[in-house]
Amino acid sequence: MANVVVVGAQWGDEGKGKIVDWLSERADVIVRFQGGHNAGHTLVIDGEVFKLSLMPSGIVRKGKLSVIGNGVVLDPWHFCEEIEKLRGQGVKISPENLIVAENTSLILPIHGELDRARESQVDVAKIGTTGRGIGPAYEDKVGRRAIRVSDLGDRDTLTQRVERLLLHHNTIRRGMDMAPVNSEILIKKLEDVAPEILKYAAPVWKVLNEKRRSGKRILFEGAQGSLLDVDFGTYPFVTSSNVIAGQAATGSGVGPGAIDFVLGIVKAYTTRVGEGPFPSELLDHDGQRLGERGKEFGTVTGRKRRCGWFDAALVRQTCAISGVAGIALTKLDVLDGFKYLHICIGYELDGRKLDFLPTAADQQSRCKPIYETMDGWSGSTEGARSWIDLPPEAIKYVRRVEELIGCPVAMLSTSPEREDTILVTDPFSD
């Protein structure tokens, strides 16, 4: 059976939550493979809104197994809070439908404190993080001093891990005039939350490989967007993990051969949260209109998103890096009513024309967009569920997007509602 990876192909906020939820009806297992609770997925199901940040989107569906893979960094206290919040909305959650990889690294209070302290330094350029400790947690993971889920099961191991971790962190905290962390207090906090976390712990790599062998369909759900990838994004204004499709394998414990289809989620225009280059950003009435119509505020942070025209050069780049086989184009309805639409097809840099965004930060900041202009449409695309429901100009826009990014549209989303989707190619088809 086909296994599908879903990745955002812009700067995040592309509408992955709805698409993953829509696809999860066809899947048996839904896996989060990177990021932390800085992600934000909003699902609208029968008029009820579910806001997720750590849980896989499949958690709201009955009969599905939701998995948090080892590529995720997990805040154990947020984990418990999100479970209780969803239970309050009638979602049943237990180890029967939710498991967490035993080798998942934890986000601790010291990570959030360090994250926020760094961002508050006036003499250092801000990255624009959520301040939730994601970056520092990943730093400790690659520094081989992280606390992992499995460590919570043994007091001696946990004590050794905490002492090693604090040897590093308290040195940094002294240099930033922050009070040192008491190891006993931190150990006590972890021991208090340990029973709730450990009951969900499992060898995820083993579970997923068994599910695959038995013919179950697996949906791998990415967080953030490819342009925030720590290697291929607009560095240093990126997240702290790999976001692209290849991470689905290493972030969950399956081989790359388990991936049959990569679906890139692409918004019909472009947005970004936080700092960093954004060649097609609009600081005028059109940009404001896109933000208001698209309700462009972060699910997790509430921060207003920067808005701009669709950047085909960037999406072509991210589709190539992730091996995207088809895209899900979302929020087409936000473009309703624009007389003219502009698509960025490349950049001008110091008198040269480029069809990709260069790697060097100073060059990225100097890139000027080259636009192609198309007629807009006066009719409505909101709620359309077939091509015949779309204005001809909207269809032309979609087809031109396909041409420019070199990738076909597999799905078209026309509202936040789950069923307002036009399916062209089923990613789960064999």
Protein backbone atom coordinates (compact mmCIF):
# COMPACT_ATOMS: atom_id res chain seq x y z
CA MET A 1 0.00 0.00 0.00
CA ALA A 2 1.17 3.55 -0.70
CA ASN A 3 2.77 5.61 2.08
CA VAL A 4 2.64 9.40 1.78
CA VAL A 5 4.81 12.21 3.13
CA VAL A 6 3.23 15.64 3.46
CA VAL A 7 5.57 18.65 3.61
CA GLY A 8 5.02 22.38 3.47
CA ALA A 9 6.69 23.81 0.38
CA GLN A 10 6.87 27.46 1.50
CA TRP A 11 7.55 29.13 4.87
CA GLY A 12 4.91 27.13 6.73
CA ASP A 13 1.25 27.93 7.41
CA GLU A 14 0.31 26.45 4.03
CA GLY A 15 -2.74 24.59 5.33
CA LYS A 16 -1.10 21.25 6.11
CA GLY A 17 -3.52 20.52 8.96
CA LYS A 18 -6.60 20.36 6.77
CA ILE A 19 -4.88 18.35 4.03
CA VAL A 20 -3.37 15.85 6.48
CA ASP A 21 -6.76 15.48 8.16
CA TRP A 22 -8.40 14.97 4.76
CA LEU A 23 -5.80 12.33 3.83
CA SER A 24 -5.88 10.66 7.24
CA GLU A 25 -9.30 9.24 6.39
CA ARG A 26 -7.44 7.04 3.89
CA ALA A 27 -4.51 6.26 6.20
CA ASP A 28 -4.13 3.86 9.10
CA VAL A 29 -1.19 5.56 10.82
CA ILE A 30 -0.32 9.27 11.01
CA VAL A 31 3.24 10.21 12.01
CA ARG A 32 4.81 13.50 13.13
CA PHE A 33 8.51 13.27 12.25
CA GLN A 34 10.10 16.62 13.16
CA GLY A 35 9.58 19.94 14.93
CA GLY A 36 7.95 20.55 18.28
CA HIS A 37 5.01 22.44 19.71
CA ASN A 38 6.03 25.47 17.69
CA ALA A 39 4.01 23.96 14.85
CA GLY A 40 0.40 24.99 14.43
CA HIS A 41 -2.31 23.05 12.61
CA THR A 42 -5.92 24.21 12.59
CA LEU A 43 -8.60 21.68 11.69
CA VAL A 44 -12.24 22.58 11.05
CA ILE A 45 -14.46 19.50 11.31
CA ASP A 46 -18.23 19.85 11.11
CA GLY A 47 -17.87 23.45 12.21
CA GLU A 48 -15.74 22.64 15.27
CA VAL A 49 -12.20 24.05 15.38
CA PHE A 50 -9.31 21.96 16.68
CA LYS A 51 -5.95 23.68 17.16
CA LEU A 52 -3.02 21.30 17.34
CA SER A 53 0.64 22.07 17.86
CA LEU A 54 2.28 18.80 18.93
CA MET A 55 -0.30 16.10 18.21
CA PRO A 56 -0.48 14.50 14.76
CA SER A 57 -3.56 15.71 12.89
CA GLY A 58 -4.96 12.17 12.79
CA ILE A 59 -5.60 12.28 16.54
CA VAL A 60 -9.09 13.70 15.97
CA ARG A 61 -10.11 10.67 13.87
CA LYS A 62 -11.36 7.43 15.37
CA GLY A 63 -9.59 4.17 14.57
CA LYS A 64 -6.25 5.76 13.61
CA LEU A 65 -2.87 5.37 15.27
CA SER A 66 -1.10 8.69 15.86
CA VAL A 67 2.67 8.60 16.27
CA ILE A 68 5.20 11.14 17.54
CA GLY A 69 8.54 10.12 16.04
CA ASN A 70 12.09 10.50 17.29
CA GLY A 71 12.69 13.50 14.99
CA VAL A 72 10.32 15.55 17.16
CA VAL A 73 11.43 17.38 20.31
CA LEU A 74 8.74 16.97 22.95
CA ASP A 75 7.77 19.27 25.79
CA PRO A 76 6.27 16.76 28.28
CA TRP A 77 4.16 19.34 30.08
CA HIS A 78 2.72 20.74 26.87
CA PHE A 79 2.10 17.16 25.73
CA CYS A 80 -0.11 16.56 28.77
CA GLU A 81 -1.87 19.91 28.43
CA GLU A 82 -2.69 19.35 24.76
CA ILE A 83 -4.09 15.90 25.52
CA GLU A 84 -6.37 17.32 28.21
CA LYS A 85 -7.50 20.14 25.96
CA LEU A 86 -8.46 17.71 23.19
CA ARG A 87 -10.22 15.44 25.66
CA GLY A 88 -12.24 18.47 26.67
CA GLN A 89 -13.40 18.66 23.05
CA GLY A 90 -14.49 15.05 23.12
CA VAL A 91 -11.39 13.46 21.55
CA LYS A 92 -10.51 10.09 23.06
CA ILE A 93 -6.77 9.66 23.59
CA SER A 94 -4.97 6.65 25.05
CA PRO A 95 -1.89 4.50 24.32
CA GLU A 96 -4.17 2.59 21.96
CA ASN A 97 -4.27 5.48 19.49
CA LEU A 98 -1.20 7.57 20.43
CA ILE A 99 2.43 6.47 20.87
CA VAL A 100 5.69 8.38 21.35
CA ALA A 101 9.13 7.17 20.26
CA GLU A 102 11.27 6.11 23.23
CA ASN A 103 14.25 7.92 21.74
CA THR A 104 12.46 11.28 21.44
CA SER A 105 14.39 14.17 23.02
CA LEU A 106 12.63 16.33 25.58
CA ILE A 107 12.16 20.10 25.76
CA LEU A 108 12.73 21.30 29.33
CA PRO A 109 11.94 24.66 30.97
CA ILE A 110 15.61 25.64 30.65
CA HIS A 111 15.32 25.42 26.88
CA GLY A 112 12.50 27.94 26.69
CA GLU A 113 14.28 30.25 29.11
CA LEU A 114 17.46 30.18 27.03
CA ASP A 115 15.50 30.65 23.80
CA ARG A 116 13.74 33.77 25.10
CA ALA A 117 16.89 35.18 26.69
CA ARG A 118 18.74 34.99 23.38
CA GLU A 119 15.92 36.66 21.46
CA SER A 120 15.80 39.50 23.99
CA GLN A 121 19.46 40.45 23.51
CA VAL A 122 19.34 43.88 21.89
CA ASP A 123 22.81 43.62 20.33
CA VAL A 124 22.11 40.37 18.50
CA ALA A 125 19.97 40.03 15.36
CA LYS A 126 16.69 38.30 16.16
CA ILE A 127 15.87 35.02 14.46
CA GLY A 128 12.15 35.32 15.18
CA THR A 129 11.70 32.08 17.15
CA THR A 130 8.53 31.22 19.06
CA GLY A 131 10.54 31.20 22.29
CA ARG A 132 9.37 27.68 23.13
CA GLY A 133 12.80 26.11 23.42
CA ILE A 134 12.79 24.15 20.18
CA GLY A 135 16.23 25.29 19.02
CA PRO A 136 18.06 24.78 22.33
CA ALA A 137 16.48 21.32 22.65
CA TYR A 138 17.82 20.32 19.24
CA GLU A 139 21.21 21.75 20.21
CA ASP A 140 21.32 19.43 23.21
CA LYS A 141 20.25 16.50 21.06
CA VAL A 142 23.15 16.87 18.64
CA GLY A 143 25.42 17.78 21.57
CA ARG A 144 24.63 14.34 23.06
CA ARG A 145 23.38 15.72 26.35
CA ALA A 146 19.58 15.61 25.83
CA ILE A 147 17.11 13.91 28.15
CA ARG A 148 15.11 11.36 26.15
CA VAL A 149 11.76 9.74 26.87
CA SER A 150 13.39 6.42 27.80
CA ASP A 151 15.56 8.16 30.43
CA LEU A 152 12.44 8.94 32.48
CA GLY A 153 12.11 5.28 33.44
CA ASP A 154 15.24 5.04 35.60
CA ARG A 155 16.21 7.41 38.41
CA ASP A 156 19.97 6.80 38.17
CA THR A 157 20.06 7.33 34.41
CA LEU A 158 17.91 10.45 34.70
CA THR A 159 20.18 11.89 37.40
CA GLN A 160 23.30 11.31 35.28
CA ARG A 161 21.67 12.86 32.23
CA VAL A 162 20.46 15.94 34.13
CA GLU A 163 23.84 16.54 35.75
CA ARG A 164 25.57 16.37 32.37
CA LEU A 165 22.98 18.68 30.83
CA LEU A 166 23.21 21.29 33.59
CA LEU A 167 27.02 21.32 33.49
CA HIS A 168 26.57 22.84 30.04
CA HIS A 169 23.49 25.00 30.67
CA ASN A 170 24.54 26.54 33.96
CA THR A 171 27.80 27.65 32.39
CA ILE A 172 25.84 29.43 29.67
CA ARG A 173 23.36 30.89 32.19
CA ARG A 174 26.15 32.40 34.28
CA GLY A 175 27.49 34.12 31.18
CA MET A 176 24.03 35.59 30.52
CA ASP A 177 23.45 36.65 34.14
CA MET A 178 20.77 34.00 34.62
CA ALA A 179 20.35 32.06 37.85
CA PRO A 180 21.68 28.48 37.79
CA VAL A 181 19.22 25.59 37.67
CA ASN A 182 18.96 23.27 40.68
CA SER A 183 19.30 19.67 39.49
CA GLU A 184 17.11 18.17 42.22
CA ILE A 185 14.23 20.49 41.41
CA LEU A 186 14.45 19.66 37.71
CA ILE A 187 14.68 15.91 38.40
CA LYS A 188 11.60 16.15 40.66
CA LYS A 189 9.62 17.89 37.90
CA LEU A 190 10.59 15.20 35.43
CA GLU A 191 9.76 12.38 37.82
CA ASP A 192 6.34 13.90 38.43
CA VAL A 193 5.48 13.97 34.73
CA ALA A 194 7.25 10.71 33.84
CA PRO A 195 4.35 8.28 34.46
CA GLU A 196 2.07 10.16 32.06
CA ILE A 197 4.72 10.23 29.32
CA LEU A 198 6.02 6.69 29.73
CA LYS A 199 2.64 5.06 29.23
CA TYR A 200 2.71 6.32 25.62
CA ALA A 201 6.36 5.33 25.00
CA ALA A 202 7.02 2.69 22.35
CA PRO A 203 9.70 1.50 19.90
CA VAL A 204 8.18 3.49 17.06
CA TRP A 205 10.64 2.21 14.45
CA LYS A 206 9.46 -1.34 15.19
CA VAL A 207 5.77 -0.47 15.22
CA LEU A 208 5.97 1.36 11.91
CA ASN A 209 7.92 -1.37 10.18
CA GLU A 210 5.40 -3.96 11.38
CA LYS A 211 2.51 -1.78 10.20
CA ARG A 212 4.13 -1.38 6.83
CA ARG A 213 4.71 -5.12 6.41
CA SER A 214 1.08 -5.81 7.25
CA GLY A 215 -0.07 -3.49 4.45
CA LYS A 216 -1.18 -0.50 6.54
CA ARG A 217 -1.09 2.94 4.96
CA ILE A 218 1.20 5.42 6.71
CA LEU A 219 0.91 9.19 6.44
CA PHE A 220 3.99 11.17 7.48
CA GLU A 221 3.09 14.69 8.59
CA GLY A 222 5.66 17.47 8.40
CA ALA A 223 5.61 20.69 10.41
CA GLN A 224 6.79 24.19 9.44
CA GLY A 225 7.77 24.65 5.78
CA SER A 226 10.66 23.68 3.53
CA LEU A 227 11.98 27.24 3.37
CA LEU A 228 12.54 26.96 7.14
CA ASP A 229 14.66 23.82 6.79
CA VAL A 230 17.89 24.16 8.78
CA ASP A 231 19.96 23.19 5.71
CA PHE A 232 17.91 24.36 2.72
CA GLY A 233 15.94 27.27 4.19
CA THR A 234 16.74 30.97 4.43
CA TYR A 235 19.45 30.39 7.05
CA PRO A 236 19.80 31.58 9.81
CA PHE A 237 16.11 32.57 9.80
CA VAL A 238 15.00 28.95 9.90
CA THR A 239 13.74 26.34 12.31
CA SER A 240 16.18 23.98 14.03
CA SER A 241 15.34 20.74 12.25
CA ASN A 242 15.22 19.30 8.76
CA VAL A 243 11.75 19.90 7.35
CA ILE A 244 12.05 18.35 3.90
CA ALA A 245 10.64 14.94 2.92
CA GLY A 246 13.86 13.01 3.54
CA GLN A 247 13.48 13.68 7.26
CA ALA A 248 10.36 11.51 7.36
CA ALA A 249 12.58 8.42 7.23
CA THR A 250 15.19 9.41 9.81
CA GLY A 251 12.63 11.14 12.03
CA SER A 252 10.53 8.02 12.45
CA GLY A 253 12.79 5.01 11.90
CA VAL A 254 11.69 3.74 8.51
CA GLY A 255 13.86 3.41 5.42
CA PRO A 256 13.52 5.82 2.49
CA GLY A 257 12.06 2.98 0.45
CA ALA A 258 8.93 3.22 2.61
CA ILE A 259 8.02 6.53 0.99
CA ASP A 260 5.85 6.17 -2.11
CA PHE A 261 4.50 9.70 -2.68
CA VAL A 262 5.58 13.17 -1.52
CA LEU A 263 2.80 15.76 -1.40
CA GLY A 264 3.87 19.40 -1.13
CA ILE A 265 1.39 21.81 0.45
CA VAL A 266 1.45 25.16 -1.33
CA LYS A 267 -0.58 28.27 -0.59
CA ALA A 268 -1.91 30.16 -3.63
CA TYR A 269 0.06 33.19 -2.41
CA THR A 270 3.02 33.43 -0.03
CA THR A 271 3.29 34.15 3.70
CA ARG A 272 5.99 34.03 6.32
CA VAL A 273 6.17 34.61 10.09
CA GLY A 274 9.18 36.17 11.78
CA GLU A 275 12.38 37.60 10.40
CA GLY A 276 14.25 36.84 7.20
CA PRO A 277 14.19 37.52 3.45
CA PHE A 278 10.90 37.50 1.55
CA PRO A 279 11.38 38.68 -2.06
CA SER A 280 7.69 38.84 -3.03
CA GLU A 281 6.48 40.46 0.21
CA LEU A 282 3.81 43.15 -0.19
CA LEU A 283 3.78 46.12 2.17
CA ASP A 284 0.82 47.77 0.44
CA HIS A 285 -2.96 47.44 0.28
CA ASP A 286 -2.75 44.14 -1.61
CA GLY A 287 -0.60 42.62 1.11
CA GLN A 288 -3.01 43.82 3.78
CA ARG A 289 -5.94 42.45 1.81
CA LEU A 290 -4.32 39.01 1.50
CA GLY A 291 -3.67 38.97 5.25
CA GLU A 292 -7.21 39.99 6.18
CA ARG A 293 -8.95 37.65 3.74
CA GLY A 294 -6.65 34.75 4.56
CA LYS A 295 -6.88 35.35 8.34
CA GLU A 296 -3.11 35.26 8.45
CA PHE A 297 -2.31 34.93 12.12
CA GLY A 298 -0.19 32.13 13.58
CA THR A 299 -2.08 29.21 15.17
CA VAL A 300 0.45 28.90 18.00
CA THR A 301 1.75 32.44 18.48
CA GLY A 302 -1.05 34.63 17.11
CA ARG A 303 1.63 36.62 15.28
CA LYS A 304 0.57 38.42 12.12
CA ARG A 305 2.02 36.82 9.01
CA ARG A 306 3.81 38.74 6.29
CA CYS A 307 2.02 38.34 2.94
CA GLY A 308 3.06 38.49 -0.70
CA TRP A 309 2.41 37.20 -4.20
CA PHE A 310 2.98 33.57 -5.12
CA ASP A 311 6.70 32.85 -5.59
CA ALA A 312 7.00 30.13 -8.23
CA ALA A 313 10.81 30.19 -8.19
CA LEU A 314 10.89 29.28 -4.50
CA VAL A 315 8.27 26.55 -4.79
CA ARG A 316 10.03 25.04 -7.80
CA GLN A 317 13.17 24.92 -5.65
CA THR A 318 11.51 23.28 -2.64
CA CYS A 319 9.65 20.76 -4.78
CA ALA A 320 12.94 19.64 -6.28
CA ILE A 321 14.68 19.30 -2.90
CA SER A 322 11.87 17.20 -1.41
CA GLY A 323 11.12 15.20 -4.54
CA VAL A 324 7.50 16.40 -4.56
CA ALA A 325 5.32 14.30 -6.85
CA GLY A 326 2.27 16.56 -6.61
CA ILE A 327 1.10 19.63 -4.72
CA ALA A 328 -1.99 20.49 -2.74
CA LEU A 329 -2.78 24.11 -3.62
CA THR A 330 -4.59 25.79 -0.74
CA LYS A 331 -6.44 29.04 -0.07
CA LEU A 332 -7.25 29.72 -3.71
CA ASP A 333 -10.44 31.47 -2.50
CA VAL A 334 -8.36 34.22 -0.84
CA LEU A 335 -7.47 35.46 -4.34
CA ASP A 336 -11.13 35.97 -5.30
CA GLY A 337 -11.85 39.52 -6.45
CA PHE A 338 -8.34 40.66 -7.36
CA LYS A 339 -8.35 42.36 -10.77
CA TYR A 340 -4.76 41.31 -11.46
CA LEU A 341 -2.55 38.66 -9.92
CA HIS A 342 1.23 38.61 -9.98
CA ILE A 343 3.50 35.56 -9.84
CA CYS A 344 7.20 35.80 -9.04
CA ILE A 345 9.03 33.77 -11.70
CA GLY A 346 12.62 34.63 -10.72
CA TYR A 347 14.87 37.34 -9.30
CA GLU A 348 17.18 40.12 -10.31
CA LEU A 349 20.42 40.25 -8.35
CA ASP A 350 22.99 42.91 -9.13
CA GLY A 351 21.88 43.07 -12.75
CA ARG A 352 21.74 39.29 -13.20
CA LYS A 353 18.58 37.20 -13.58
CA LEU A 354 18.24 34.08 -11.41
CA ASP A 355 15.61 31.34 -11.47
CA PHE A 356 16.41 30.25 -7.89
CA LEU A 357 17.06 31.89 -4.52
CA PRO A 358 20.81 31.88 -3.77
CA THR A 359 22.18 30.45 -0.53
CA ALA A 360 24.17 33.47 0.72
CA ALA A 361 22.13 35.59 3.12
CA ASP A 362 23.42 38.91 1.78
CA GLN A 363 22.43 37.89 -1.75
CA GLN A 364 18.98 36.73 -0.64
CA SER A 365 18.32 40.13 0.91
CA ARG A 366 19.19 41.89 -2.36
CA CYS A 367 17.07 39.72 -4.67
CA LYS A 368 14.32 41.66 -6.42
CA PRO A 369 11.29 39.73 -7.70
CA ILE A 370 10.56 39.41 -11.42
CA TYR A 371 6.80 39.24 -11.89
CA GLU A 372 4.45 37.79 -14.45
CA THR A 373 0.96 39.32 -14.43
CA MET A 374 -2.30 37.45 -14.96
CA ASP A 375 -5.94 38.46 -14.97
CA GLY A 376 -7.79 37.79 -11.74
CA TRP A 377 -11.42 36.70 -11.44
CA SER A 378 -14.58 38.28 -10.08
CA GLY A 379 -16.41 35.02 -9.35
CA SER A 380 -16.07 32.98 -6.19
CA THR A 381 -13.97 29.85 -5.73
CA GLU A 382 -14.91 29.40 -2.08
CA GLY A 383 -16.27 25.96 -1.37
CA ALA A 384 -15.69 24.66 -4.91
CA ARG A 385 -15.53 20.86 -5.09
CA SER A 386 -15.04 20.35 -8.82
CA TRP A 387 -13.26 22.12 -11.69
CA ILE A 388 -16.58 23.14 -13.20
CA ASP A 389 -17.25 25.28 -10.10
CA LEU A 390 -14.16 27.43 -10.75
CA PRO A 391 -14.03 30.62 -12.87
CA PRO A 392 -11.99 30.09 -16.09
CA GLU A 393 -9.37 32.61 -14.92
CA ALA A 394 -8.88 30.64 -11.69
CA ILE A 395 -8.26 27.47 -13.69
CA LYS A 396 -5.73 29.36 -15.84
CA TYR A 397 -3.97 30.55 -12.69
CA VAL A 398 -3.72 26.99 -11.34
CA ARG A 399 -2.43 25.65 -14.64
CA ARG A 400 0.18 28.40 -14.86
CA VAL A 401 1.36 27.60 -11.35
CA GLU A 402 1.83 23.97 -12.40
CA GLU A 403 3.90 25.02 -15.42
CA LEU A 404 6.12 27.39 -13.46
CA ILE A 405 6.91 25.02 -10.58
CA GLY A 406 7.24 21.93 -12.79
CA CYS A 407 4.89 19.90 -10.63
CA PRO A 408 1.20 18.96 -11.05
CA VAL A 409 -1.63 19.90 -8.72
CA ALA A 410 -2.86 16.75 -6.99
CA MET A 411 -5.37 18.49 -4.74
CA LEU A 412 -7.01 21.92 -4.64
CA SER A 413 -8.40 23.37 -1.40
CA THR A 414 -11.03 26.10 -1.57
CA SER A 415 -11.93 26.68 2.11
CA PRO A 416 -10.92 25.51 5.59
CA GLU A 417 -13.72 22.91 5.54
CA ARG A 418 -12.50 19.35 5.05
CA GLU A 419 -14.76 18.47 2.13
CA ASP A 420 -14.15 21.67 0.13
CA THR A 421 -11.38 19.95 -1.80
CA ILE A 422 -10.93 19.04 -5.45
CA LEU A 423 -9.04 15.77 -5.81
CA VAL A 424 -7.03 15.36 -9.00
CA THR A 425 -4.65 12.56 -7.97
CA ASP A 426 -5.10 10.42 -4.86
CA PRO A 427 -1.63 10.24 -3.23
CA PHE A 428 -2.60 6.88 -1.68
CA SER A 429 -3.41 5.25 -5.01
CA ASP A 430 -1.16 2.30 -5.77
